[in-house]
Amino acid sequence: MTQTLKDKTVFITGGSRGIGLAIALKLASKGANIVIAAKTDKPHPLLPGTIYTAAEQIEKAGGKALPVLCDIRFEHHVDHAISMALDQFKSIDILINNASAMAISTTKRLSMKAFDLMHQVNGRGTYMVSQKCMPYLQHSINPHILTIAPPINLSKKWFSPHLAYVMAKYAMSMSVLGLSQDGKDDNIAVNALWPQTYIATSAIKNLIGAPANLINRCRSPKIVADAAYCILKEASDICTGNFFIDEEVLRKVGLTNFDHYAIDLSQKLKKDMFL
């Protein structure tokens, strides 16, 4: 049976911009309470938005917002954010593991600082936030954890060009595999969602060495948000352990024309690097 998101509390990591913010706005338009747990509380010279501007947009979209300064590398930050969410909204019904660090580089060129950042945010952060939210999710009527992570493919060709980044993203994917089993007794759905094509985010715009026209070969983050909404409406006791692709999700609900998601219809879409 399709579930409603009205008055459900959604805890989103890294939701001040990009895919996270797009999901937040989509769910807010359906009446959800949104906790924006992200680390940008002041304007950044290269990155748009803060937790406060995100909260303003969420309120305008029809939801209730709670902006919380939170760097998911630090346990006390996560504990504080969860405590604030519970104080404000009394529950956590959905967790979106969106926060992610990216450094596309060969092994020879990547700094260990960049390696550590990716693994602290992507792997450890996703694991920790999930672990700490699960005791509260189990009390929800239709609890979901949705992680923005790719399906795992162990072909060697995926690893060599950017080994550290693939390792870090696959750490998020492995959390989906394990937590989908851990959450079964409590009917907590744990799934992954990944885009069919590159998505127009600040990370792509600022990607060092990327082709000049890459952003024009992307789709809007709205396609991921629309797919996320479809997944989160599903009954948690039967929809778990999946690695969803945004376009495939939307095709299953009847969408056949995706032109409105393209940044530039005259450009050929760039298939995502993990697919």
C-alpha atoms as a PDB file:
ATOM      1  CA  MET A   1       0.000   0.000   0.000  1.00  0.00           C
ATOM      2  CA  THR A   2       1.310   3.463  -0.919  1.00  0.00           C
ATOM      3  CA  GLN A   3       2.335   5.445   2.144  1.00  0.00           C
ATOM      4  CA  THR A   4       1.990   9.175   2.762  1.00  0.00           C
ATOM      5  CA  LEU A   5       4.887  11.389   3.771  1.00  0.00           C
ATOM      6  CA  LYS A   6       2.762  14.079   5.375  1.00  0.00           C
ATOM      7  CA  ASP A   7       4.121  14.972   8.845  1.00  0.00           C
ATOM      8  CA  LYS A   8       6.852  12.323   8.550  1.00  0.00           C
ATOM      9  CA  THR A   9      10.292  13.455   9.752  1.00  0.00           C
ATOM     10  CA  VAL A  10      13.101  13.104   7.237  1.00  0.00           C
ATOM     11  CA  PHE A  11      16.726  13.390   8.401  1.00  0.00           C
ATOM     12  CA  ILE A  12      18.947  14.332   5.440  1.00  0.00           C
ATOM     13  CA  THR A  13      22.728  14.516   5.597  1.00  0.00           C
ATOM     14  CA  GLY A  14      24.430  17.085   3.384  1.00  0.00           C
ATOM     15  CA  GLY A  15      21.150  18.565   2.219  1.00  0.00           C
ATOM     16  CA  SER A  16      22.054  22.223   1.811  1.00  0.00           C
ATOM     17  CA  ARG A  17      22.454  21.925  -1.974  1.00  0.00           C
ATOM     18  CA  GLY A  18      22.419  19.545  -4.921  1.00  0.00           C
ATOM     19  CA  ILE A  19      20.720  16.162  -4.772  1.00  0.00           C
ATOM     20  CA  GLY A  20      20.095  16.380  -1.032  1.00  0.00           C
ATOM     21  CA  LEU A  21      18.306  19.705  -1.314  1.00  0.00           C
ATOM     22  CA  ALA A  22      16.284  18.509  -4.321  1.00  0.00           C
ATOM     23  CA  ILE A  23      15.068  15.511  -2.319  1.00  0.00           C
ATOM     24  CA  ALA A  24      14.317  17.747   0.657  1.00  0.00           C
ATOM     25  CA  LEU A  25      12.199  20.082  -1.473  1.00  0.00           C
ATOM     26  CA  LYS A  26      10.323  17.207  -3.092  1.00  0.00           C
ATOM     27  CA  LEU A  27       9.452  15.631   0.246  1.00  0.00           C
ATOM     28  CA  ALA A  28       8.634  19.021   1.771  1.00  0.00           C
ATOM     29  CA  SER A  29       6.104  19.584  -1.015  1.00  0.00           C
ATOM     30  CA  LYS A  30       4.367  16.444   0.278  1.00  0.00           C
ATOM     31  CA  GLY A  31       4.164  17.845   3.804  1.00  0.00           C
ATOM     32  CA  ALA A  32       7.227  16.226   5.378  1.00  0.00           C
ATOM     33  CA  ASN A  33       9.314  17.659   8.208  1.00  0.00           C
ATOM     34  CA  ILE A  34      12.905  18.032   7.031  1.00  0.00           C
ATOM     35  CA  VAL A  35      16.043  18.013   9.172  1.00  0.00           C
ATOM     36  CA  ILE A  36      18.933  19.468   7.165  1.00  0.00           C
ATOM     37  CA  ALA A  37      22.072  18.088   8.830  1.00  0.00           C
ATOM     38  CA  ALA A  38      24.948  19.644   6.918  1.00  0.00           C
ATOM     39  CA  LYS A  39      28.161  21.522   7.580  1.00  0.00           C
ATOM     40  CA  THR A  40      27.652  24.696   5.522  1.00  0.00           C
ATOM     41  CA  ASP A  41      26.321  27.378   7.835  1.00  0.00           C
ATOM     42  CA  LYS A  42      28.060  30.313   6.138  1.00  0.00           C
ATOM     43  CA  PRO A  43      28.169  31.223   2.429  1.00  0.00           C
ATOM     44  CA  HIS A  44      30.956  29.419   0.555  1.00  0.00           C
ATOM     45  CA  PRO A  45      32.786  31.090  -2.365  1.00  0.00           C
ATOM     46  CA  LEU A  46      32.436  28.021  -4.616  1.00  0.00           C
ATOM     47  CA  LEU A  47      29.315  26.331  -3.285  1.00  0.00           C
ATOM     48  CA  PRO A  48      25.744  27.692  -3.283  1.00  0.00           C
ATOM     49  CA  GLY A  49      23.496  27.597  -0.250  1.00  0.00           C
ATOM     50  CA  THR A  50      23.692  27.016   3.481  1.00  0.00           C
ATOM     51  CA  ILE A  51      21.583  25.035   5.933  1.00  0.00           C
ATOM     52  CA  TYR A  52      19.610  28.237   6.530  1.00  0.00           C
ATOM     53  CA  THR A  53      18.867  29.042   2.884  1.00  0.00           C
ATOM     54  CA  ALA A  54      17.886  25.392   2.426  1.00  0.00           C
ATOM     55  CA  ALA A  55      15.499  25.663   5.375  1.00  0.00           C
ATOM     56  CA  GLU A  56      13.889  28.755   3.837  1.00  0.00           C
ATOM     57  CA  GLN A  57      13.289  26.914   0.568  1.00  0.00           C
ATOM     58  CA  ILE A  58      11.873  23.897   2.398  1.00  0.00           C
ATOM     59  CA  GLU A  59       9.391  26.065   4.281  1.00  0.00           C
ATOM     60  CA  LYS A  60       8.323  27.733   1.031  1.00  0.00           C
ATOM     61  CA  ALA A  61       7.863  24.289  -0.538  1.00  0.00           C
ATOM     62  CA  GLY A  62       5.336  23.355   2.136  1.00  0.00           C
ATOM     63  CA  GLY A  63       7.341  21.466   4.741  1.00  0.00           C
ATOM     64  CA  LYS A  64       8.704  22.242   8.172  1.00  0.00           C
ATOM     65  CA  ALA A  65      12.475  22.675   8.381  1.00  0.00           C
ATOM     66  CA  LEU A  66      15.130  22.278  11.031  1.00  0.00           C
ATOM     67  CA  PRO A  67      18.625  23.387   9.973  1.00  0.00           C
ATOM     68  CA  VAL A  68      21.353  21.737  12.052  1.00  0.00           C
ATOM     69  CA  LEU A  69      25.082  22.327  11.711  1.00  0.00           C
ATOM     70  CA  CYS A  70      26.465  18.804  11.421  1.00  0.00           C
ATOM     71  CA  ASP A  71      29.705  17.353  10.089  1.00  0.00           C
ATOM     72  CA  ILE A  72      29.049  13.610   9.978  1.00  0.00           C
ATOM     73  CA  ARG A  73      32.731  12.840  10.536  1.00  0.00           C
ATOM     74  CA  PHE A  74      32.213  13.729  14.184  1.00  0.00           C
ATOM     75  CA  GLU A  75      30.118  11.558  16.493  1.00  0.00           C
ATOM     76  CA  HIS A  76      29.113  14.385  18.803  1.00  0.00           C
ATOM     77  CA  HIS A  77      27.800  16.374  15.826  1.00  0.00           C
ATOM     78  CA  VAL A  78      25.605  13.449  14.776  1.00  0.00           C
ATOM     79  CA  ASP A  79      24.364  12.870  18.334  1.00  0.00           C
ATOM     80  CA  HIS A  80      23.482  16.553  18.648  1.00  0.00           C
ATOM     81  CA  ALA A  81      21.665  16.638  15.290  1.00  0.00           C
ATOM     82  CA  ILE A  82      19.585  13.578  16.148  1.00  0.00           C
ATOM     83  CA  SER A  83      18.764  15.019  19.574  1.00  0.00           C
ATOM     84  CA  MET A  84      17.599  18.285  17.990  1.00  0.00           C
ATOM     85  CA  ALA A  85      15.483  16.389  15.448  1.00  0.00           C
ATOM     86  CA  LEU A  86      13.756  14.438  18.201  1.00  0.00           C
ATOM     87  CA  ASP A  87      13.220  17.548  20.323  1.00  0.00           C
ATOM     88  CA  GLN A  88      11.661  19.410  17.397  1.00  0.00           C
ATOM     89  CA  PHE A  89       9.669  16.696  15.627  1.00  0.00           C
ATOM     90  CA  LYS A  90       9.508  13.819  18.187  1.00  0.00           C
ATOM     91  CA  SER A  91      10.451  11.143  15.656  1.00  0.00           C
ATOM     92  CA  ILE A  92      12.730  10.139  12.788  1.00  0.00           C
ATOM     93  CA  ASP A  93      10.839   8.275  10.082  1.00  0.00           C
ATOM     94  CA  ILE A  94      13.224   8.461   7.123  1.00  0.00           C
ATOM     95  CA  LEU A  95      16.984   8.813   6.822  1.00  0.00           C
ATOM     96  CA  ILE A  96      18.573  10.017   3.591  1.00  0.00           C
ATOM     97  CA  ASN A  97      22.313   9.296   3.524  1.00  0.00           C
ATOM     98  CA  ASN A  98      23.244  11.903   0.959  1.00  0.00           C
ATOM     99  CA  ALA A  99      26.436  13.487   2.352  1.00  0.00           C
ATOM    100  CA  SER A 100      29.436  12.444   0.297  1.00  0.00           C
ATOM    101  CA  ALA A 101      32.943  13.652  -0.474  1.00  0.00           C
ATOM    102  CA  MET A 102      34.441  13.305  -3.933  1.00  0.00           C
ATOM    103  CA  ALA A 103      37.996  13.432  -5.236  1.00  0.00           C
ATOM    104  CA  ILE A 104      38.453  12.007  -8.724  1.00  0.00           C
ATOM    105  CA  SER A 105      42.127  11.179  -9.025  1.00  0.00           C
ATOM    106  CA  THR A 106      44.522   8.375  -9.834  1.00  0.00           C
ATOM    107  CA  THR A 107      46.254   6.574  -6.990  1.00  0.00           C
ATOM    108  CA  LYS A 108      49.570   8.236  -7.832  1.00  0.00           C
ATOM    109  CA  ARG A 109      48.133  11.747  -7.566  1.00  0.00           C
ATOM    110  CA  LEU A 110      45.630  11.500  -4.711  1.00  0.00           C
ATOM    111  CA  SER A 111      46.653  12.998  -1.365  1.00  0.00           C
ATOM    112  CA  MET A 112      46.033  10.986   1.781  1.00  0.00           C
ATOM    113  CA  LYS A 113      44.117  13.978   3.120  1.00  0.00           C
ATOM    114  CA  ALA A 114      41.602  13.555   0.293  1.00  0.00           C
ATOM    115  CA  PHE A 115      41.543   9.788   0.821  1.00  0.00           C
ATOM    116  CA  ASP A 116      40.805  10.203   4.529  1.00  0.00           C
ATOM    117  CA  LEU A 117      38.076  12.781   3.916  1.00  0.00           C
ATOM    118  CA  MET A 118      36.219  10.532   1.484  1.00  0.00           C
ATOM    119  CA  HIS A 119      36.354   7.512   3.758  1.00  0.00           C
ATOM    120  CA  GLN A 120      35.423   9.469   6.879  1.00  0.00           C
ATOM    121  CA  VAL A 121      32.379  11.027   5.208  1.00  0.00           C
ATOM    122  CA  ASN A 122      31.228   8.353   2.781  1.00  0.00           C
ATOM    123  CA  GLY A 123      31.924   5.108   4.559  1.00  0.00           C
ATOM    124  CA  ARG A 124      32.193   5.912   8.255  1.00  0.00           C
ATOM    125  CA  GLY A 125      29.686   8.765   8.190  1.00  0.00           C
ATOM    126  CA  THR A 126      26.986   6.766   6.432  1.00  0.00           C
ATOM    127  CA  TYR A 127      27.504   3.827   8.770  1.00  0.00           C
ATOM    128  CA  MET A 128      27.439   5.990  11.901  1.00  0.00           C
ATOM    129  CA  VAL A 129      24.366   8.066  11.030  1.00  0.00           C
ATOM    130  CA  SER A 130      22.475   4.914  10.044  1.00  0.00           C
ATOM    131  CA  GLN A 131      23.471   3.110  13.224  1.00  0.00           C
ATOM    132  CA  LYS A 132      22.397   6.023  15.418  1.00  0.00           C
ATOM    133  CA  CYS A 133      19.077   6.606  13.629  1.00  0.00           C
ATOM    134  CA  MET A 134      17.934   2.972  13.550  1.00  0.00           C
ATOM    135  CA  PRO A 135      16.719   2.850  17.193  1.00  0.00           C
ATOM    136  CA  TYR A 136      14.317   5.689  16.367  1.00  0.00           C
ATOM    137  CA  LEU A 137      13.391   4.492  12.890  1.00  0.00           C
ATOM    138  CA  GLN A 138      12.153   1.200  14.335  1.00  0.00           C
ATOM    139  CA  HIS A 139       9.281   3.066  16.007  1.00  0.00           C
ATOM    140  CA  SER A 140       8.065   4.561  12.737  1.00  0.00           C
ATOM    141  CA  ILE A 141       5.078   3.132  10.847  1.00  0.00           C
ATOM    142  CA  ASN A 142       6.983   2.991   7.538  1.00  0.00           C
ATOM    143  CA  PRO A 143      10.703   3.559   8.192  1.00  0.00           C
ATOM    144  CA  HIS A 144      13.176   3.970   5.358  1.00  0.00           C
ATOM    145  CA  ILE A 145      16.904   4.498   4.951  1.00  0.00           C
ATOM    146  CA  LEU A 146      17.794   5.659   1.455  1.00  0.00           C
ATOM    147  CA  THR A 147      21.483   5.986   0.622  1.00  0.00           C
ATOM    148  CA  ILE A 148      22.776   7.796  -2.457  1.00  0.00           C
ATOM    149  CA  ALA A 149      25.190   5.074  -3.526  1.00  0.00           C
ATOM    150  CA  PRO A 150      25.910   3.052  -6.675  1.00  0.00           C
ATOM    151  CA  PRO A 151      25.325  -0.630  -7.342  1.00  0.00           C
ATOM    152  CA  ILE A 152      28.467  -2.653  -6.678  1.00  0.00           C
ATOM    153  CA  ASN A 153      30.352  -3.889  -9.729  1.00  0.00           C
ATOM    154  CA  LEU A 154      33.687  -5.585  -9.028  1.00  0.00           C
ATOM    155  CA  SER A 155      34.989  -5.330 -12.577  1.00  0.00           C
ATOM    156  CA  LYS A 156      38.576  -4.061 -12.520  1.00  0.00           C
ATOM    157  CA  LYS A 157      37.847  -1.298 -15.028  1.00  0.00           C
ATOM    158  CA  TRP A 158      35.876   0.698 -12.434  1.00  0.00           C
ATOM    159  CA  PHE A 159      38.688   0.852  -9.927  1.00  0.00           C
ATOM    160  CA  SER A 160      41.910   1.912 -11.618  1.00  0.00           C
ATOM    161  CA  PRO A 161      41.075   5.496 -12.752  1.00  0.00           C
ATOM    162  CA  HIS A 162      39.844   6.666  -9.312  1.00  0.00           C
ATOM    163  CA  LEU A 163      40.377   3.830  -6.859  1.00  0.00           C
ATOM    164  CA  ALA A 164      39.945   5.770  -3.621  1.00  0.00           C
ATOM    165  CA  TYR A 165      36.643   7.345  -4.653  1.00  0.00           C
ATOM    166  CA  VAL A 166      35.200   4.007  -5.772  1.00  0.00           C
ATOM    167  CA  MET A 167      36.281   2.408  -2.490  1.00  0.00           C
ATOM    168  CA  ALA A 168      34.585   5.187  -0.526  1.00  0.00           C
ATOM    169  CA  LYS A 169      31.322   5.037  -2.482  1.00  0.00           C
ATOM    170  CA  TYR A 170      31.233   1.251  -2.332  1.00  0.00           C
ATOM    171  CA  ALA A 171      31.583   1.518   1.445  1.00  0.00           C
ATOM    172  CA  MET A 172      28.214   3.289   1.350  1.00  0.00           C
ATOM    173  CA  SER A 173      26.846   0.561  -0.917  1.00  0.00           C
ATOM    174  CA  MET A 174      28.053  -2.164   1.434  1.00  0.00           C
ATOM    175  CA  SER A 175      26.211  -0.469   4.293  1.00  0.00           C
ATOM    176  CA  VAL A 176      23.035  -0.882   2.254  1.00  0.00           C
ATOM    177  CA  LEU A 177      23.695  -4.606   1.844  1.00  0.00           C
ATOM    178  CA  GLY A 178      24.317  -5.156   5.550  1.00  0.00           C
ATOM    179  CA  LEU A 179      21.751  -2.787   7.034  1.00  0.00           C
ATOM    180  CA  SER A 180      18.967  -4.103   4.806  1.00  0.00           C
ATOM    181  CA  GLN A 181      19.404  -7.404   6.637  1.00  0.00           C
ATOM    182  CA  ASP A 182      19.901  -5.817  10.061  1.00  0.00           C
ATOM    183  CA  GLY A 183      16.702  -3.799   9.685  1.00  0.00           C
ATOM    184  CA  LYS A 184      14.397  -6.616   8.597  1.00  0.00           C
ATOM    185  CA  ASP A 185      13.130  -7.528  12.059  1.00  0.00           C
ATOM    186  CA  ASP A 186      12.046  -3.921  12.570  1.00  0.00           C
ATOM    187  CA  ASN A 187      10.668  -3.517   9.024  1.00  0.00           C
ATOM    188  CA  ILE A 188      13.232  -0.806   8.258  1.00  0.00           C
ATOM    189  CA  ALA A 189      13.658  -0.541   4.500  1.00  0.00           C
ATOM    190  CA  VAL A 190      17.263   0.088   3.453  1.00  0.00           C
ATOM    191  CA  ASN A 191      17.862   0.870  -0.208  1.00  0.00           C
ATOM    192  CA  ALA A 192      20.314   2.666  -2.471  1.00  0.00           C
ATOM    193  CA  LEU A 193      19.528   5.136  -5.242  1.00  0.00           C
ATOM    194  CA  TRP A 194      21.872   6.211  -8.021  1.00  0.00           C
ATOM    195  CA  PRO A 195      21.451   8.327 -11.183  1.00  0.00           C
ATOM    196  CA  GLN A 196      21.501   6.900 -14.702  1.00  0.00           C
ATOM    197  CA  THR A 197      23.378   9.985 -15.921  1.00  0.00           C
ATOM    198  CA  TYR A 198      25.635  12.609 -14.420  1.00  0.00           C
ATOM    199  CA  ILE A 199      23.691  15.109 -12.315  1.00  0.00           C
ATOM    200  CA  ALA A 200      24.242  18.869 -12.419  1.00  0.00           C
ATOM    201  CA  THR A 201      25.640  19.548  -8.949  1.00  0.00           C
ATOM    202  CA  SER A 202      28.337  21.819  -7.568  1.00  0.00           C
ATOM    203  CA  ALA A 203      30.641  18.798  -7.319  1.00  0.00           C
ATOM    204  CA  ILE A 204      30.388  18.307 -11.087  1.00  0.00           C
ATOM    205  CA  LYS A 205      30.752  22.018 -11.835  1.00  0.00           C
ATOM    206  CA  ASN A 206      33.934  22.188  -9.754  1.00  0.00           C
ATOM    207  CA  LEU A 207      35.359  18.845 -10.886  1.00  0.00           C
ATOM    208  CA  ILE A 208      39.004  19.367 -11.769  1.00  0.00           C
ATOM    209  CA  GLY A 209      39.883  18.149 -15.248  1.00  0.00           C
ATOM    210  CA  ALA A 210      36.266  17.694 -16.340  1.00  0.00           C
ATOM    211  CA  PRO A 211      35.312  18.607 -19.937  1.00  0.00           C
ATOM    212  CA  ALA A 212      34.024  22.160 -20.268  1.00  0.00           C
ATOM    213  CA  ASN A 213      30.614  21.012 -21.506  1.00  0.00           C
ATOM    214  CA  LEU A 214      30.098  18.251 -18.919  1.00  0.00           C
ATOM    215  CA  ILE A 215      27.492  20.217 -16.963  1.00  0.00           C
ATOM    216  CA  ASN A 216      25.406  20.599 -20.132  1.00  0.00           C
ATOM    217  CA  ARG A 217      25.374  16.806 -20.540  1.00  0.00           C
ATOM    218  CA  CYS A 218      23.814  16.328 -17.123  1.00  0.00           C
ATOM    219  CA  ARG A 219      20.314  16.024 -15.771  1.00  0.00           C
ATOM    220  CA  SER A 220      18.782  18.088 -13.002  1.00  0.00           C
ATOM    221  CA  PRO A 221      18.867  16.769  -9.413  1.00  0.00           C
ATOM    222  CA  LYS A 222      15.063  16.758  -9.624  1.00  0.00           C
ATOM    223  CA  ILE A 223      15.117  13.374 -11.359  1.00  0.00           C
ATOM    224  CA  VAL A 224      16.814  11.793  -8.337  1.00  0.00           C
ATOM    225  CA  ALA A 225      14.356  13.549  -6.020  1.00  0.00           C
ATOM    226  CA  ASP A 226      11.333  12.281  -7.957  1.00  0.00           C
ATOM    227  CA  ALA A 227      12.714   8.744  -7.883  1.00  0.00           C
ATOM    228  CA  ALA A 228      13.440   9.008  -4.153  1.00  0.00           C
ATOM    229  CA  TYR A 229       9.844  10.033  -3.485  1.00  0.00           C
ATOM    230  CA  CYS A 230       8.559   6.985  -5.368  1.00  0.00           C
ATOM    231  CA  ILE A 231      10.781   4.674  -3.296  1.00  0.00           C
ATOM    232  CA  LEU A 232       9.897   6.231   0.051  1.00  0.00           C
ATOM    233  CA  LYS A 233       6.173   5.769  -0.591  1.00  0.00           C
ATOM    234  CA  GLU A 234       6.659   2.002  -0.769  1.00  0.00           C
ATOM    235  CA  ALA A 235       5.869  -0.280   2.168  1.00  0.00           C
ATOM    236  CA  SER A 236       9.078  -0.726   4.141  1.00  0.00           C
ATOM    237  CA  ASP A 237       8.508  -4.390   4.925  1.00  0.00           C
ATOM    238  CA  ILE A 238       8.677  -5.417   1.270  1.00  0.00           C
ATOM    239  CA  CYS A 239      10.848  -2.751  -0.389  1.00  0.00           C
ATOM    240  CA  THR A 240      14.362  -3.288   0.945  1.00  0.00           C
ATOM    241  CA  GLY A 241      17.849  -4.311  -0.150  1.00  0.00           C
ATOM    242  CA  ASN A 242      17.535  -2.751  -3.612  1.00  0.00           C
ATOM    243  CA  PHE A 243      20.002  -0.741  -5.689  1.00  0.00           C
ATOM    244  CA  PHE A 244      17.661   1.525  -7.598  1.00  0.00           C
ATOM    245  CA  ILE A 245      18.532   3.622 -10.669  1.00  0.00           C
ATOM    246  CA  ASP A 246      16.532   6.854 -10.927  1.00  0.00           C
ATOM    247  CA  GLU A 247      15.362   6.453 -14.513  1.00  0.00           C
ATOM    248  CA  GLU A 248      14.329   2.826 -13.967  1.00  0.00           C
ATOM    249  CA  VAL A 249      12.276   3.796 -10.905  1.00  0.00           C
ATOM    250  CA  LEU A 250      10.399   6.457 -12.844  1.00  0.00           C
ATOM    251  CA  ARG A 251       9.800   4.205 -15.838  1.00  0.00           C
ATOM    252  CA  LYS A 252       8.128   1.693 -13.526  1.00  0.00           C
ATOM    253  CA  VAL A 253       5.596   4.325 -12.468  1.00  0.00           C
ATOM    254  CA  GLY A 254       4.812   5.210 -16.071  1.00  0.00           C
ATOM    255  CA  LEU A 255       7.161   8.058 -17.000  1.00  0.00           C
ATOM    256  CA  THR A 256       8.480   7.740 -20.549  1.00  0.00           C
ATOM    257  CA  ASN A 257       9.708  11.219 -21.431  1.00  0.00           C
ATOM    258  CA  PHE A 258      12.690  12.529 -19.446  1.00  0.00           C
ATOM    259  CA  ASP A 259      13.456  15.617 -21.538  1.00  0.00           C
ATOM    260  CA  HIS A 260      12.395  18.047 -18.810  1.00  0.00           C
ATOM    261  CA  TYR A 261      15.239  16.817 -16.598  1.00  0.00           C
ATOM    262  CA  ALA A 262      17.984  17.575 -19.156  1.00  0.00           C
ATOM    263  CA  ILE A 263      20.140  20.645 -18.623  1.00  0.00           C
ATOM    264  CA  ASP A 264      20.627  21.065 -22.384  1.00  0.00           C
ATOM    265  CA  LEU A 265      18.501  18.998 -24.750  1.00  0.00           C
ATOM    266  CA  SER A 266      20.927  19.640 -27.600  1.00  0.00           C
ATOM    267  CA  GLN A 267      23.679  17.740 -25.771  1.00  0.00           C
ATOM    268  CA  LYS A 268      24.039  13.966 -25.482  1.00  0.00           C
ATOM    269  CA  LEU A 269      23.603  12.852 -21.870  1.00  0.00           C
ATOM    270  CA  LYS A 270      26.693  11.582 -20.056  1.00  0.00           C
ATOM    271  CA  LYS A 271      26.068   8.165 -18.515  1.00  0.00           C
ATOM    272  CA  ASP A 272      27.180   7.952 -14.899  1.00  0.00           C
ATOM    273  CA  MET A 273      30.675   6.618 -14.313  1.00  0.00           C
ATOM    274  CA  PHE A 274      29.472   3.707 -12.158  1.00  0.00           C
ATOM    275  CA  LEU A 275      27.037   2.308 -14.735  1.00  0.00           C
END
